[in-house]
Amino acid sequence: PAILRPGRFDKLIFIKPPDEDARAKIFKEYLEKVPKADNIDYK
């Protein structure tokens, strides 16, 4: 707990994993500019 005192780590931010819609968008974004088969099912 001492490591969490002021001046050590100034910000603690919790970012939860992406939900289903966000995961589909991430796949779409990372595969956007590459040749891909027509059967890619992002959902």
PDB file of all heavy atoms in Angstrom:
ATOM      1  N   PRO A   1       0.806  -1.223   0.000  1.00  0.00           N
ATOM      2  CA  PRO A   1       0.000   0.000   0.000  1.00  0.00           C
ATOM      3  C   PRO A   1       0.842   1.277   0.000  1.00  0.00           C
ATOM      4  O   PRO A   1       0.398   2.315  -0.485  1.00  0.00           O
ATOM      5  CB  PRO A   1      -0.837  -0.110   1.277  1.00  0.00           C
ATOM      6  CG  PRO A   1      -0.896  -1.571   1.563  1.00  0.00           C
ATOM      7  CD  PRO A   1       0.412  -2.132   1.073  1.00  0.00           C
ATOM      8  N   ALA A   2       2.079   1.207   0.475  1.00  0.00           N
ATOM      9  CA  ALA A   2       2.943   2.394   0.500  1.00  0.00           C
ATOM     10  C   ALA A   2       3.223   2.909  -0.906  1.00  0.00           C
ATOM     11  O   ALA A   2       3.427   4.111  -1.106  1.00  0.00           O
ATOM     12  CB  ALA A   2       4.254   2.076   1.215  1.00  0.00           C
ATOM     13  N   ILE A   3       3.207   2.023  -1.853  1.00  0.00           N
ATOM     14  CA  ILE A   3       3.485   2.438  -3.230  1.00  0.00           C
ATOM     15  C   ILE A   3       2.366   3.312  -3.799  1.00  0.00           C
ATOM     16  O   ILE A   3       2.559   4.018  -4.782  1.00  0.00           O
ATOM     17  CB  ILE A   3       3.759   1.209  -4.125  1.00  0.00           C
ATOM     18  CG1 ILE A   3       4.660   1.588  -5.283  1.00  0.00           C
ATOM     19  CG2 ILE A   3       2.494   0.594  -4.640  1.00  0.00           C
ATOM     20  CD1 ILE A   3       5.284   0.419  -5.965  1.00  0.00           C
ATOM     21  N   LEU A   4       1.207   3.282  -3.138  1.00  0.00           N
ATOM     22  CA  LEU A   4       0.058   4.051  -3.613  1.00  0.00           C
ATOM     23  C   LEU A   4      -0.071   5.419  -2.942  1.00  0.00           C
ATOM     24  O   LEU A   4      -1.011   6.156  -3.226  1.00  0.00           O
ATOM     25  CB  LEU A   4      -1.228   3.245  -3.402  1.00  0.00           C
ATOM     26  CG  LEU A   4      -1.263   1.906  -4.132  1.00  0.00           C
ATOM     27  CD1 LEU A   4      -2.492   1.118  -3.739  1.00  0.00           C
ATOM     28  CD2 LEU A   4      -1.199   2.106  -5.628  1.00  0.00           C
ATOM     29  N   ARG A   5       0.874   5.765  -2.091  1.00  0.00           N
ATOM     30  CA  ARG A   5       0.828   7.086  -1.446  1.00  0.00           C
ATOM     31  C   ARG A   5       1.037   8.175  -2.486  1.00  0.00           C
ATOM     32  O   ARG A   5       1.678   7.958  -3.522  1.00  0.00           O
ATOM     33  CB  ARG A   5       1.920   7.187  -0.386  1.00  0.00           C
ATOM     34  CG  ARG A   5       1.642   6.368   0.828  1.00  0.00           C
ATOM     35  CD  ARG A   5       2.689   6.656   1.907  1.00  0.00           C
ATOM     36  NE  ARG A   5       2.738   5.538   2.822  1.00  0.00           N
ATOM     37  CZ  ARG A   5       3.853   4.997   3.288  1.00  0.00           C
ATOM     38  NH1 ARG A   5       5.032   5.475   2.953  1.00  0.00           N
ATOM     39  NH2 ARG A   5       3.797   3.982   4.111  1.00  0.00           N
ATOM     40  N   PRO A   6       0.516   9.373  -2.185  1.00  0.00           N
ATOM     41  CA  PRO A   6       0.694  10.492  -3.124  1.00  0.00           C
ATOM     42  C   PRO A   6       2.174  10.710  -3.479  1.00  0.00           C
ATOM     43  O   PRO A   6       3.048  10.563  -2.639  1.00  0.00           O
ATOM     44  CB  PRO A   6       0.130  11.690  -2.360  1.00  0.00           C
ATOM     45  CG  PRO A   6      -0.859  11.086  -1.410  1.00  0.00           C
ATOM     46  CD  PRO A   6      -0.279   9.759  -1.018  1.00  0.00           C
ATOM     47  N   GLY A   7       2.399  11.024  -4.746  1.00  0.00           N
ATOM     48  CA  GLY A   7       3.756  11.279  -5.222  1.00  0.00           C
ATOM     49  C   GLY A   7       4.423  10.068  -5.849  1.00  0.00           C
ATOM     50  O   GLY A   7       5.456  10.182  -6.476  1.00  0.00           O
ATOM     51  N   ARG A   8       3.831   8.911  -5.673  1.00  0.00           N
ATOM     52  CA  ARG A   8       4.416   7.709  -6.270  1.00  0.00           C
ATOM     53  C   ARG A   8       3.683   7.375  -7.574  1.00  0.00           C
ATOM     54  O   ARG A   8       4.225   7.496  -8.641  1.00  0.00           O
ATOM     55  CB  ARG A   8       4.373   6.572  -5.260  1.00  0.00           C
ATOM     56  CG  ARG A   8       5.328   6.869  -4.100  1.00  0.00           C
ATOM     57  CD  ARG A   8       5.403   5.718  -3.134  1.00  0.00           C
ATOM     58  NE  ARG A   8       6.428   5.957  -2.143  1.00  0.00           N
ATOM     59  CZ  ARG A   8       6.231   6.601  -1.001  1.00  0.00           C
ATOM     60  NH1 ARG A   8       5.040   7.068  -0.709  1.00  0.00           N
ATOM     61  NH2 ARG A   8       7.218   6.772  -0.149  1.00  0.00           N
ATOM     62  N   PHE A   9       2.459   6.945  -7.444  1.00  0.00           N
ATOM     63  CA  PHE A   9       1.601   6.770  -8.609  1.00  0.00           C
ATOM     64  C   PHE A   9       0.524   7.841  -8.498  1.00  0.00           C
ATOM     65  O   PHE A   9      -0.358   7.753  -7.651  1.00  0.00           O
ATOM     66  CB  PHE A   9       0.951   5.375  -8.651  1.00  0.00           C
ATOM     67  CG  PHE A   9       1.883   4.288  -9.076  1.00  0.00           C
ATOM     68  CD1 PHE A   9       2.451   3.427  -8.150  1.00  0.00           C
ATOM     69  CD2 PHE A   9       2.204   4.129 -10.409  1.00  0.00           C
ATOM     70  CE1 PHE A   9       3.310   2.426  -8.550  1.00  0.00           C
ATOM     71  CE2 PHE A   9       3.062   3.127 -10.821  1.00  0.00           C
ATOM     72  CZ  PHE A   9       3.622   2.270  -9.888  1.00  0.00           C
ATOM     73  N   ASP A  10       0.626   8.848  -9.326  1.00  0.00           N
ATOM     74  CA  ASP A  10      -0.297   9.971  -9.219  1.00  0.00           C
ATOM     75  C   ASP A  10      -1.703   9.631  -9.696  1.00  0.00           C
ATOM     76  O   ASP A  10      -2.673  10.209  -9.241  1.00  0.00           O
ATOM     77  CB  ASP A  10       0.223  11.179 -10.004  1.00  0.00           C
ATOM     78  CG  ASP A  10       1.457  11.774  -9.358  1.00  0.00           C
ATOM     79  OD1 ASP A  10       1.620  11.587  -8.136  1.00  0.00           O
ATOM     80  OD2 ASP A  10       2.246  12.414 -10.056  1.00  0.00           O
ATOM     81  N   LYS A  11      -1.815   8.707 -10.617  1.00  0.00           N
ATOM     82  CA  LYS A  11      -3.135   8.348 -11.158  1.00  0.00           C
ATOM     83  C   LYS A  11      -3.314   6.843 -11.145  1.00  0.00           C
ATOM     84  O   LYS A  11      -2.439   6.088 -11.563  1.00  0.00           O
ATOM     85  CB  LYS A  11      -3.299   8.839 -12.602  1.00  0.00           C
ATOM     86  CG  LYS A  11      -3.353  10.331 -12.748  1.00  0.00           C
ATOM     87  CD  LYS A  11      -4.676  10.841 -12.262  1.00  0.00           C
ATOM     88  CE  LYS A  11      -4.738  12.345 -12.381  1.00  0.00           C
ATOM     89  NZ  LYS A  11      -5.793  12.911 -11.568  1.00  0.00           N
ATOM     90  N   LEU A  12      -4.464   6.432 -10.663  1.00  0.00           N
ATOM     91  CA  LEU A  12      -4.900   5.045 -10.766  1.00  0.00           C
ATOM     92  C   LEU A  12      -6.181   5.071 -11.569  1.00  0.00           C
ATOM     93  O   LEU A  12      -7.168   5.678 -11.154  1.00  0.00           O
ATOM     94  CB  LEU A  12      -5.178   4.443  -9.389  1.00  0.00           C
ATOM     95  CG  LEU A  12      -4.005   4.288  -8.445  1.00  0.00           C
ATOM     96  CD1 LEU A  12      -4.487   3.763  -7.094  1.00  0.00           C
ATOM     97  CD2 LEU A  12      -2.978   3.339  -9.019  1.00  0.00           C
ATOM     98  N   ILE A  13      -6.166   4.433 -12.716  1.00  0.00           N
ATOM     99  CA  ILE A  13      -7.331   4.445 -13.592  1.00  0.00           C
ATOM    100  C   ILE A  13      -7.673   3.005 -13.957  1.00  0.00           C
ATOM    101  O   ILE A  13      -6.828   2.278 -14.470  1.00  0.00           O
ATOM    102  CB  ILE A  13      -7.059   5.262 -14.880  1.00  0.00           C
ATOM    103  CG1 ILE A  13      -6.679   6.687 -14.515  1.00  0.00           C
ATOM    104  CG2 ILE A  13      -8.272   5.236 -15.793  1.00  0.00           C
ATOM    105  CD1 ILE A  13      -6.147   7.497 -15.671  1.00  0.00           C
ATOM    106  N   PHE A  14      -8.907   2.629 -13.676  1.00  0.00           N
ATOM    107  CA  PHE A  14      -9.368   1.292 -14.032  1.00  0.00           C
ATOM    108  C   PHE A  14     -10.096   1.366 -15.366  1.00  0.00           C
ATOM    109  O   PHE A  14     -11.046   2.129 -15.530  1.00  0.00           O
ATOM    110  CB  PHE A  14     -10.311   0.749 -12.953  1.00  0.00           C
ATOM    111  CG  PHE A  14     -10.924  -0.571 -13.327  1.00  0.00           C
ATOM    112  CD1 PHE A  14     -10.148  -1.711 -13.353  1.00  0.00           C
ATOM    113  CD2 PHE A  14     -12.260  -0.664 -13.666  1.00  0.00           C
ATOM    114  CE1 PHE A  14     -10.695  -2.934 -13.707  1.00  0.00           C
ATOM    115  CE2 PHE A  14     -12.821  -1.873 -14.018  1.00  0.00           C
ATOM    116  CZ  PHE A  14     -12.039  -3.010 -14.037  1.00  0.00           C
ATOM    117  N   ILE A  15      -9.634   0.590 -16.310  1.00  0.00           N
ATOM    118  CA  ILE A  15     -10.277   0.516 -17.618  1.00  0.00           C
ATOM    119  C   ILE A  15     -10.690  -0.936 -17.818  1.00  0.00           C
ATOM    120  O   ILE A  15      -9.847  -1.820 -17.918  1.00  0.00           O
ATOM    121  CB  ILE A  15      -9.333   0.968 -18.752  1.00  0.00           C
ATOM    122  CG1 ILE A  15      -8.891   2.397 -18.499  1.00  0.00           C
ATOM    123  CG2 ILE A  15     -10.016   0.812 -20.101  1.00  0.00           C
ATOM    124  CD1 ILE A  15      -7.805   2.892 -19.418  1.00  0.00           C
ATOM    125  N   LYS A  16     -11.995  -1.160 -17.839  1.00  0.00           N
ATOM    126  CA  LYS A  16     -12.469  -2.532 -17.981  1.00  0.00           C
ATOM    127  C   LYS A  16     -12.321  -2.991 -19.429  1.00  0.00           C
ATOM    128  O   LYS A  16     -12.236  -2.172 -20.353  1.00  0.00           O
ATOM    129  CB  LYS A  16     -13.906  -2.666 -17.495  1.00  0.00           C
ATOM    130  CG  LYS A  16     -14.901  -1.833 -18.219  1.00  0.00           C
ATOM    131  CD  LYS A  16     -16.275  -1.980 -17.593  1.00  0.00           C
ATOM    132  CE  LYS A  16     -17.221  -1.038 -18.299  1.00  0.00           C
ATOM    133  NZ  LYS A  16     -18.577  -1.167 -17.856  1.00  0.00           N
ATOM    134  N   PRO A  17     -12.284  -4.299 -19.638  1.00  0.00           N
ATOM    135  CA  PRO A  17     -12.173  -4.821 -21.007  1.00  0.00           C
ATOM    136  C   PRO A  17     -13.354  -4.362 -21.860  1.00  0.00           C
ATOM    137  O   PRO A  17     -14.427  -4.071 -21.339  1.00  0.00           O
ATOM    138  CB  PRO A  17     -12.209  -6.335 -20.815  1.00  0.00           C
ATOM    139  CG  PRO A  17     -11.798  -6.560 -19.407  1.00  0.00           C
ATOM    140  CD  PRO A  17     -12.293  -5.357 -18.646  1.00  0.00           C
ATOM    141  N   PRO A  18     -13.168  -4.306 -23.167  1.00  0.00           N
ATOM    142  CA  PRO A  18     -14.247  -3.845 -24.048  1.00  0.00           C
ATOM    143  C   PRO A  18     -15.438  -4.798 -24.025  1.00  0.00           C
ATOM    144  O   PRO A  18     -15.277  -6.010 -23.886  1.00  0.00           O
ATOM    145  CB  PRO A  18     -13.589  -3.817 -25.430  1.00  0.00           C
ATOM    146  CG  PRO A  18     -12.405  -4.706 -25.338  1.00  0.00           C
ATOM    147  CD  PRO A  18     -11.961  -4.685 -23.904  1.00  0.00           C
ATOM    148  N   ASP A  19     -16.635  -4.214 -24.179  1.00  0.00           N
ATOM    149  CA  ASP A  19     -17.838  -5.039 -24.269  1.00  0.00           C
ATOM    150  C   ASP A  19     -17.922  -5.649 -25.665  1.00  0.00           C
ATOM    151  O   ASP A  19     -17.070  -5.407 -26.518  1.00  0.00           O
ATOM    152  CB  ASP A  19     -19.089  -4.237 -23.905  1.00  0.00           C
ATOM    153  CG  ASP A  19     -19.370  -3.089 -24.877  1.00  0.00           C
ATOM    154  OD1 ASP A  19     -18.803  -3.044 -25.982  1.00  0.00           O
ATOM    155  OD2 ASP A  19     -20.185  -2.222 -24.512  1.00  0.00           O
ATOM    156  N   GLU A  20     -18.968  -6.413 -25.904  1.00  0.00           N
ATOM    157  CA  GLU A  20     -19.096  -7.140 -27.170  1.00  0.00           C
ATOM    158  C   GLU A  20     -19.097  -6.210 -28.390  1.00  0.00           C
ATOM    159  O   GLU A  20     -18.412  -6.476 -29.380  1.00  0.00           O
ATOM    160  CB  GLU A  20     -20.359  -7.997 -27.149  1.00  0.00           C
ATOM    161  CG  GLU A  20     -20.414  -9.010 -28.260  1.00  0.00           C
ATOM    162  CD  GLU A  20     -21.565  -9.980 -28.093  1.00  0.00           C
ATOM    163  OE1 GLU A  20     -21.591 -10.699 -27.085  1.00  0.00           O
ATOM    164  OE2 GLU A  20     -22.430 -10.001 -28.997  1.00  0.00           O
ATOM    165  N   ASP A  21     -19.836  -5.120 -28.313  1.00  0.00           N
ATOM    166  CA  ASP A  21     -19.875  -4.183 -29.447  1.00  0.00           C
ATOM    167  C   ASP A  21     -18.503  -3.580 -29.703  1.00  0.00           C
ATOM    168  O   ASP A  21     -18.070  -3.451 -30.851  1.00  0.00           O
ATOM    169  CB  ASP A  21     -20.883  -3.059 -29.194  1.00  0.00           C
ATOM    170  CG  ASP A  21     -22.327  -3.525 -29.287  1.00  0.00           C
ATOM    171  OD1 ASP A  21     -22.572  -4.561 -29.942  1.00  0.00           O
ATOM    172  OD2 ASP A  21     -23.198  -2.857 -28.710  1.00  0.00           O
ATOM    173  N   ALA A  22     -17.812  -3.218 -28.642  1.00  0.00           N
ATOM    174  CA  ALA A  22     -16.480  -2.620 -28.785  1.00  0.00           C
ATOM    175  C   ALA A  22     -15.491  -3.637 -29.357  1.00  0.00           C
ATOM    176  O   ALA A  22     -14.649  -3.285 -30.195  1.00  0.00           O
ATOM    177  CB  ALA A  22     -15.988  -2.091 -27.438  1.00  0.00           C
ATOM    178  N   ARG A  23     -15.599  -4.892 -28.927  1.00  0.00           N
ATOM    179  CA  ARG A  23     -14.701  -5.924 -29.471  1.00  0.00           C
ATOM    180  C   ARG A  23     -14.922  -6.098 -30.973  1.00  0.00           C
ATOM    181  O   ARG A  23     -13.966  -6.220 -31.741  1.00  0.00           O
ATOM    182  CB  ARG A  23     -14.895  -7.251 -28.730  1.00  0.00           C
ATOM    183  CG  ARG A  23     -14.389  -7.199 -27.302  1.00  0.00           C
ATOM    184  CD  ARG A  23     -14.310  -8.579 -26.649  1.00  0.00           C
ATOM    185  NE  ARG A  23     -15.533  -9.360 -26.695  1.00  0.00           N
ATOM    186  CZ  ARG A  23     -16.508  -9.318 -25.799  1.00  0.00           C
ATOM    187  NH1 ARG A  23     -16.435  -8.490 -24.779  1.00  0.00           N
ATOM    188  NH2 ARG A  23     -17.572 -10.096 -25.910  1.00  0.00           N
ATOM    189  N   ALA A  24     -16.176  -6.093 -31.410  1.00  0.00           N
ATOM    190  CA  ALA A  24     -16.477  -6.211 -32.846  1.00  0.00           C
ATOM    191  C   ALA A  24     -15.852  -5.038 -33.599  1.00  0.00           C
ATOM    192  O   ALA A  24     -15.257  -5.225 -34.672  1.00  0.00           O
ATOM    193  CB  ALA A  24     -17.980  -6.253 -33.072  1.00  0.00           C
ATOM    194  N   LYS A  25     -15.965  -3.831 -33.045  1.00  0.00           N
ATOM    195  CA  LYS A  25     -15.372  -2.651 -33.686  1.00  0.00           C
ATOM    196  C   LYS A  25     -13.855  -2.733 -33.736  1.00  0.00           C
ATOM    197  O   LYS A  25     -13.235  -2.314 -34.720  1.00  0.00           O
ATOM    198  CB  LYS A  25     -15.810  -1.384 -32.955  1.00  0.00           C
ATOM    199  CG  LYS A  25     -17.262  -1.039 -33.163  1.00  0.00           C
ATOM    200  CD  LYS A  25     -17.670   0.180 -32.360  1.00  0.00           C
ATOM    201  CE  LYS A  25     -19.162   0.428 -32.478  1.00  0.00           C
ATOM    202  NZ  LYS A  25     -19.614   1.515 -31.597  1.00  0.00           N
ATOM    203  N   ILE A  26     -13.248  -3.278 -32.684  1.00  0.00           N
ATOM    204  CA  ILE A  26     -11.781  -3.421 -32.665  1.00  0.00           C
ATOM    205  C   ILE A  26     -11.339  -4.391 -33.754  1.00  0.00           C
ATOM    206  O   ILE A  26     -10.388  -4.121 -34.490  1.00  0.00           O
ATOM    207  CB  ILE A  26     -11.293  -3.863 -31.269  1.00  0.00           C
ATOM    208  CG1 ILE A  26     -11.555  -2.759 -30.244  1.00  0.00           C
ATOM    209  CG2 ILE A  26      -9.801  -4.204 -31.300  1.00  0.00           C
ATOM    210  CD1 ILE A  26     -11.383  -3.190 -28.790  1.00  0.00           C
ATOM    211  N   PHE A  27     -12.031  -5.528 -33.871  1.00  0.00           N
ATOM    212  CA  PHE A  27     -11.696  -6.469 -34.955  1.00  0.00           C
ATOM    213  C   PHE A  27     -11.825  -5.779 -36.309  1.00  0.00           C
ATOM    214  O   PHE A  27     -10.947  -5.900 -37.162  1.00  0.00           O
ATOM    215  CB  PHE A  27     -12.618  -7.702 -34.914  1.00  0.00           C
ATOM    216  CG  PHE A  27     -12.132  -8.801 -34.025  1.00  0.00           C
ATOM    217  CD1 PHE A  27     -12.773  -9.076 -32.829  1.00  0.00           C
ATOM    218  CD2 PHE A  27     -11.031  -9.571 -34.379  1.00  0.00           C
ATOM    219  CE1 PHE A  27     -12.342 -10.096 -31.997  1.00  0.00           C
ATOM    220  CE2 PHE A  27     -10.579 -10.594 -33.561  1.00  0.00           C
ATOM    221  CZ  PHE A  27     -11.236 -10.855 -32.366  1.00  0.00           C
ATOM    222  N   LYS A  28     -12.918  -5.070 -36.494  1.00  0.00           N
ATOM    223  CA  LYS A  28     -13.166  -4.405 -37.777  1.00  0.00           C
ATOM    224  C   LYS A  28     -12.061  -3.399 -38.082  1.00  0.00           C
ATOM    225  O   LYS A  28     -11.567  -3.316 -39.207  1.00  0.00           O
ATOM    226  CB  LYS A  28     -14.534  -3.715 -37.738  1.00  0.00           C
ATOM    227  CG  LYS A  28     -15.050  -3.333 -39.071  1.00  0.00           C
ATOM    228  CD  LYS A  28     -16.512  -2.903 -38.979  1.00  0.00           C
ATOM    229  CE  LYS A  28     -17.115  -2.974 -40.361  1.00  0.00           C
ATOM    230  NZ  LYS A  28     -18.539  -2.763 -40.360  1.00  0.00           N
ATOM    231  N   GLU A  29     -11.658  -2.642 -37.086  1.00  0.00           N
ATOM    232  CA  GLU A  29     -10.607  -1.628 -37.258  1.00  0.00           C
ATOM    233  C   GLU A  29      -9.271  -2.269 -37.636  1.00  0.00           C
ATOM    234  O   GLU A  29      -8.600  -1.830 -38.556  1.00  0.00           O
ATOM    235  CB  GLU A  29     -10.459  -0.816 -35.969  1.00  0.00           C
ATOM    236  CG  GLU A  29      -9.368   0.227 -36.022  1.00  0.00           C
ATOM    237  CD  GLU A  29      -9.683   1.399 -36.940  1.00  0.00           C
ATOM    238  OE1 GLU A  29     -10.870   1.688 -37.166  1.00  0.00           O
ATOM    239  OE2 GLU A  29      -8.722   2.018 -37.434  1.00  0.00           O
ATOM    240  N   TYR A  30      -8.887  -3.321 -36.928  1.00  0.00           N
ATOM    241  CA  TYR A  30      -7.590  -3.945 -37.180  1.00  0.00           C
ATOM    242  C   TYR A  30      -7.550  -4.750 -38.470  1.00  0.00           C
ATOM    243  O   TYR A  30      -6.470  -5.039 -38.977  1.00  0.00           O
ATOM    244  CB  TYR A  30      -7.169  -4.819 -35.997  1.00  0.00           C
ATOM    245  CG  TYR A  30      -6.490  -4.008 -34.922  1.00  0.00           C
ATOM    246  CD1 TYR A  30      -7.203  -3.527 -33.836  1.00  0.00           C
ATOM    247  CD2 TYR A  30      -5.143  -3.690 -35.005  1.00  0.00           C
ATOM    248  CE1 TYR A  30      -6.606  -2.757 -32.863  1.00  0.00           C
ATOM    249  CE2 TYR A  30      -4.528  -2.918 -34.033  1.00  0.00           C
ATOM    250  CZ  TYR A  30      -5.267  -2.461 -32.966  1.00  0.00           C
ATOM    251  OH  TYR A  30      -4.658  -1.694 -32.010  1.00  0.00           O
ATOM    252  N   LEU A  31      -8.699  -5.100 -39.002  1.00  0.00           N
ATOM    253  CA  LEU A  31      -8.733  -5.863 -40.257  1.00  0.00           C
ATOM    254  C   LEU A  31      -9.197  -5.019 -41.439  1.00  0.00           C
ATOM    255  O   LEU A  31      -9.354  -5.525 -42.543  1.00  0.00           O
ATOM    256  CB  LEU A  31      -9.657  -7.083 -40.097  1.00  0.00           C
ATOM    257  CG  LEU A  31      -9.208  -8.105 -39.059  1.00  0.00           C
ATOM    258  CD1 LEU A  31     -10.276  -9.171 -38.870  1.00  0.00           C
ATOM    259  CD2 LEU A  31      -7.874  -8.725 -39.443  1.00  0.00           C
ATOM    260  N   GLU A  32      -9.373  -3.727 -41.204  1.00  0.00           N
ATOM    261  CA  GLU A  32      -9.967  -2.852 -42.213  1.00  0.00           C
ATOM    262  C   GLU A  32      -9.180  -2.795 -43.525  1.00  0.00           C
ATOM    263  O   GLU A  32      -9.748  -2.878 -44.598  1.00  0.00           O
ATOM    264  CB  GLU A  32     -10.104  -1.436 -41.636  1.00  0.00           C
ATOM    265  CG  GLU A  32     -10.754  -0.467 -42.597  1.00  0.00           C
ATOM    266  CD  GLU A  32     -10.898   0.912 -41.998  1.00  0.00           C
ATOM    267  OE1 GLU A  32     -10.064   1.303 -41.164  1.00  0.00           O
ATOM    268  OE2 GLU A  32     -11.861   1.592 -42.368  1.00  0.00           O
ATOM    269  N   LYS A  33      -7.884  -2.667 -43.457  1.00  0.00           N
ATOM    270  CA  LYS A  33      -7.096  -2.403 -44.663  1.00  0.00           C
ATOM    271  C   LYS A  33      -6.333  -3.621 -45.173  1.00  0.00           C
ATOM    272  O   LYS A  33      -5.312  -3.475 -45.825  1.00  0.00           O
ATOM    273  CB  LYS A  33      -6.133  -1.252 -44.400  1.00  0.00           C
ATOM    274  CG  LYS A  33      -6.852   0.045 -44.098  1.00  0.00           C
ATOM    275  CD  LYS A  33      -5.908   1.175 -43.847  1.00  0.00           C
ATOM    276  CE  LYS A  33      -6.699   2.438 -43.519  1.00  0.00           C
ATOM    277  NZ  LYS A  33      -5.833   3.566 -43.218  1.00  0.00           N
ATOM    278  N   VAL A  34      -6.832  -4.806 -44.870  1.00  0.00           N
ATOM    279  CA  VAL A  34      -6.163  -6.019 -45.350  1.00  0.00           C
ATOM    280  C   VAL A  34      -7.136  -6.849 -46.176  1.00  0.00           C
ATOM    281  O   VAL A  34      -8.349  -6.794 -45.955  1.00  0.00           O
ATOM    282  CB  VAL A  34      -5.621  -6.874 -44.176  1.00  0.00           C
ATOM    283  CG1 VAL A  34      -4.559  -6.130 -43.396  1.00  0.00           C
ATOM    284  CG2 VAL A  34      -6.709  -7.333 -43.252  1.00  0.00           C
ATOM    285  N   PRO A  35      -6.607  -7.617 -47.121  1.00  0.00           N
ATOM    286  CA  PRO A  35      -7.490  -8.518 -47.870  1.00  0.00           C
ATOM    287  C   PRO A  35      -8.068  -9.557 -46.906  1.00  0.00           C
ATOM    288  O   PRO A  35      -7.342 -10.160 -46.118  1.00  0.00           O
ATOM    289  CB  PRO A  35      -6.562  -9.178 -48.882  1.00  0.00           C
ATOM    290  CG  PRO A  35      -5.332  -8.342 -48.924  1.00  0.00           C
ATOM    291  CD  PRO A  35      -5.225  -7.673 -47.599  1.00  0.00           C
ATOM    292  N   LYS A  36      -9.377  -9.726 -46.949  1.00  0.00           N
ATOM    293  CA  LYS A  36     -10.019 -10.688 -46.047  1.00  0.00           C
ATOM    294  C   LYS A  36     -11.160 -11.391 -46.766  1.00  0.00           C
ATOM    295  O   LYS A  36     -11.744 -10.861 -47.701  1.00  0.00           O
ATOM    296  CB  LYS A  36     -10.506 -10.016 -44.770  1.00  0.00           C
ATOM    297  CG  LYS A  36     -11.433  -8.857 -44.966  1.00  0.00           C
ATOM    298  CD  LYS A  36     -11.570  -8.067 -43.675  1.00  0.00           C
ATOM    299  CE  LYS A  36     -12.083  -6.686 -43.918  1.00  0.00           C
ATOM    300  NZ  LYS A  36     -11.248  -5.808 -44.672  1.00  0.00           N
ATOM    301  N   ALA A  37     -11.446 -12.572 -46.292  1.00  0.00           N
ATOM    302  CA  ALA A  37     -12.540 -13.358 -46.858  1.00  0.00           C
ATOM    303  C   ALA A  37     -13.870 -12.671 -46.577  1.00  0.00           C
ATOM    304  O   ALA A  37     -13.992 -11.879 -45.638  1.00  0.00           O
ATOM    305  CB  ALA A  37     -12.529 -14.759 -46.258  1.00  0.00           C
ATOM    306  N   ASP A  38     -14.851 -12.976 -47.403  1.00  0.00           N
ATOM    307  CA  ASP A  38     -16.178 -12.373 -47.259  1.00  0.00           C
ATOM    308  C   ASP A  38     -16.939 -12.883 -46.040  1.00  0.00           C
ATOM    309  O   ASP A  38     -17.921 -12.281 -45.637  1.00  0.00           O
ATOM    310  CB  ASP A  38     -17.016 -12.640 -48.517  1.00  0.00           C
ATOM    311  CG  ASP A  38     -16.442 -11.934 -49.741  1.00  0.00           C
ATOM    312  OD1 ASP A  38     -15.782 -10.894 -49.571  1.00  0.00           O
ATOM    313  OD2 ASP A  38     -16.660 -12.435 -50.859  1.00  0.00           O
ATOM    314  N   ASN A  39     -16.471 -13.995 -45.467  1.00  0.00           N
ATOM    315  CA  ASN A  39     -17.231 -14.604 -44.370  1.00  0.00           C
ATOM    316  C   ASN A  39     -16.790 -14.137 -42.978  1.00  0.00           C
ATOM    317  O   ASN A  39     -17.152 -14.761 -41.982  1.00  0.00           O
ATOM    318  CB  ASN A  39     -17.152 -16.133 -44.454  1.00  0.00           C
ATOM    319  CG  ASN A  39     -15.769 -16.664 -44.120  1.00  0.00           C
ATOM    320  OD1 ASN A  39     -14.775 -15.949 -44.165  1.00  0.00           O
ATOM    321  ND2 ASN A  39     -15.705 -17.942 -43.805  1.00  0.00           N
ATOM    322  N   ILE A  40     -16.044 -13.056 -42.871  1.00  0.00           N
ATOM    323  CA  ILE A  40     -15.619 -12.560 -41.561  1.00  0.00           C
ATOM    324  C   ILE A  40     -16.863 -12.081 -40.801  1.00  0.00           C
ATOM    325  O   ILE A  40     -17.593 -11.209 -41.260  1.00  0.00           O
ATOM    326  CB  ILE A  40     -14.591 -11.414 -41.675  1.00  0.00           C
ATOM    327  CG1 ILE A  40     -13.348 -11.852 -42.457  1.00  0.00           C
ATOM    328  CG2 ILE A  40     -14.212 -10.899 -40.282  1.00  0.00           C
ATOM    329  CD1 ILE A  40     -12.523 -12.925 -41.822  1.00  0.00           C
ATOM    330  N   ASP A  41     -17.099 -12.683 -39.651  1.00  0.00           N
ATOM    331  CA  ASP A  41     -18.266 -12.385 -38.816  1.00  0.00           C
ATOM    332  C   ASP A  41     -17.790 -11.651 -37.564  1.00  0.00           C
ATOM    333  O   ASP A  41     -17.393 -12.270 -36.578  1.00  0.00           O
ATOM    334  CB  ASP A  41     -18.974 -13.693 -38.457  1.00  0.00           C
ATOM    335  CG  ASP A  41     -20.138 -13.511 -37.503  1.00  0.00           C
ATOM    336  OD1 ASP A  41     -20.564 -12.353 -37.258  1.00  0.00           O
ATOM    337  OD2 ASP A  41     -20.628 -14.533 -36.992  1.00  0.00           O
ATOM    338  N   TYR A  42     -17.818 -10.327 -37.613  1.00  0.00           N
ATOM    339  CA  TYR A  42     -17.307  -9.520 -36.505  1.00  0.00           C
ATOM    340  C   TYR A  42     -18.100  -9.754 -35.222  1.00  0.00           C
ATOM    341  O   TYR A  42     -17.515  -9.818 -34.140  1.00  0.00           O
ATOM    342  CB  TYR A  42     -17.297  -8.034 -36.882  1.00  0.00           C
ATOM    343  CG  TYR A  42     -16.382  -7.740 -38.040  1.00  0.00           C
ATOM    344  CD1 TYR A  42     -16.888  -7.436 -39.298  1.00  0.00           C
ATOM    345  CD2 TYR A  42     -15.008  -7.781 -37.882  1.00  0.00           C
ATOM    346  CE1 TYR A  42     -16.044  -7.179 -40.366  1.00  0.00           C
ATOM    347  CE2 TYR A  42     -14.149  -7.533 -38.947  1.00  0.00           C
ATOM    348  CZ  TYR A  42     -14.678  -7.233 -40.190  1.00  0.00           C
ATOM    349  OH  TYR A  42     -13.834  -6.985 -41.238  1.00  0.00           O
ATOM    350  N   LYS A  43     -19.399  -9.894 -35.336  1.00  0.00           N
ATOM    351  CA  LYS A  43     -20.234 -10.158 -34.155  1.00  0.00           C
ATOM    352  C   LYS A  43     -19.863 -11.518 -33.555  1.00  0.00           C
ATOM    353  O   LYS A  43     -19.729 -11.658 -32.339  1.00  0.00           O
ATOM    354  CB  LYS A  43     -21.717 -10.110 -34.531  1.00  0.00           C
ATOM    355  CG  LYS A  43     -22.649 -10.303 -33.343  1.00  0.00           C
ATOM    356  CD  LYS A  43     -24.092 -10.084 -33.740  1.00  0.00           C
ATOM    357  CE  LYS A  43     -25.116 -10.367 -32.686  1.00  0.00           C
ATOM    358  NZ  LYS A  43     -24.755 -10.361 -31.321  1.00  0.00           N
TER     359      LYS A  43
END
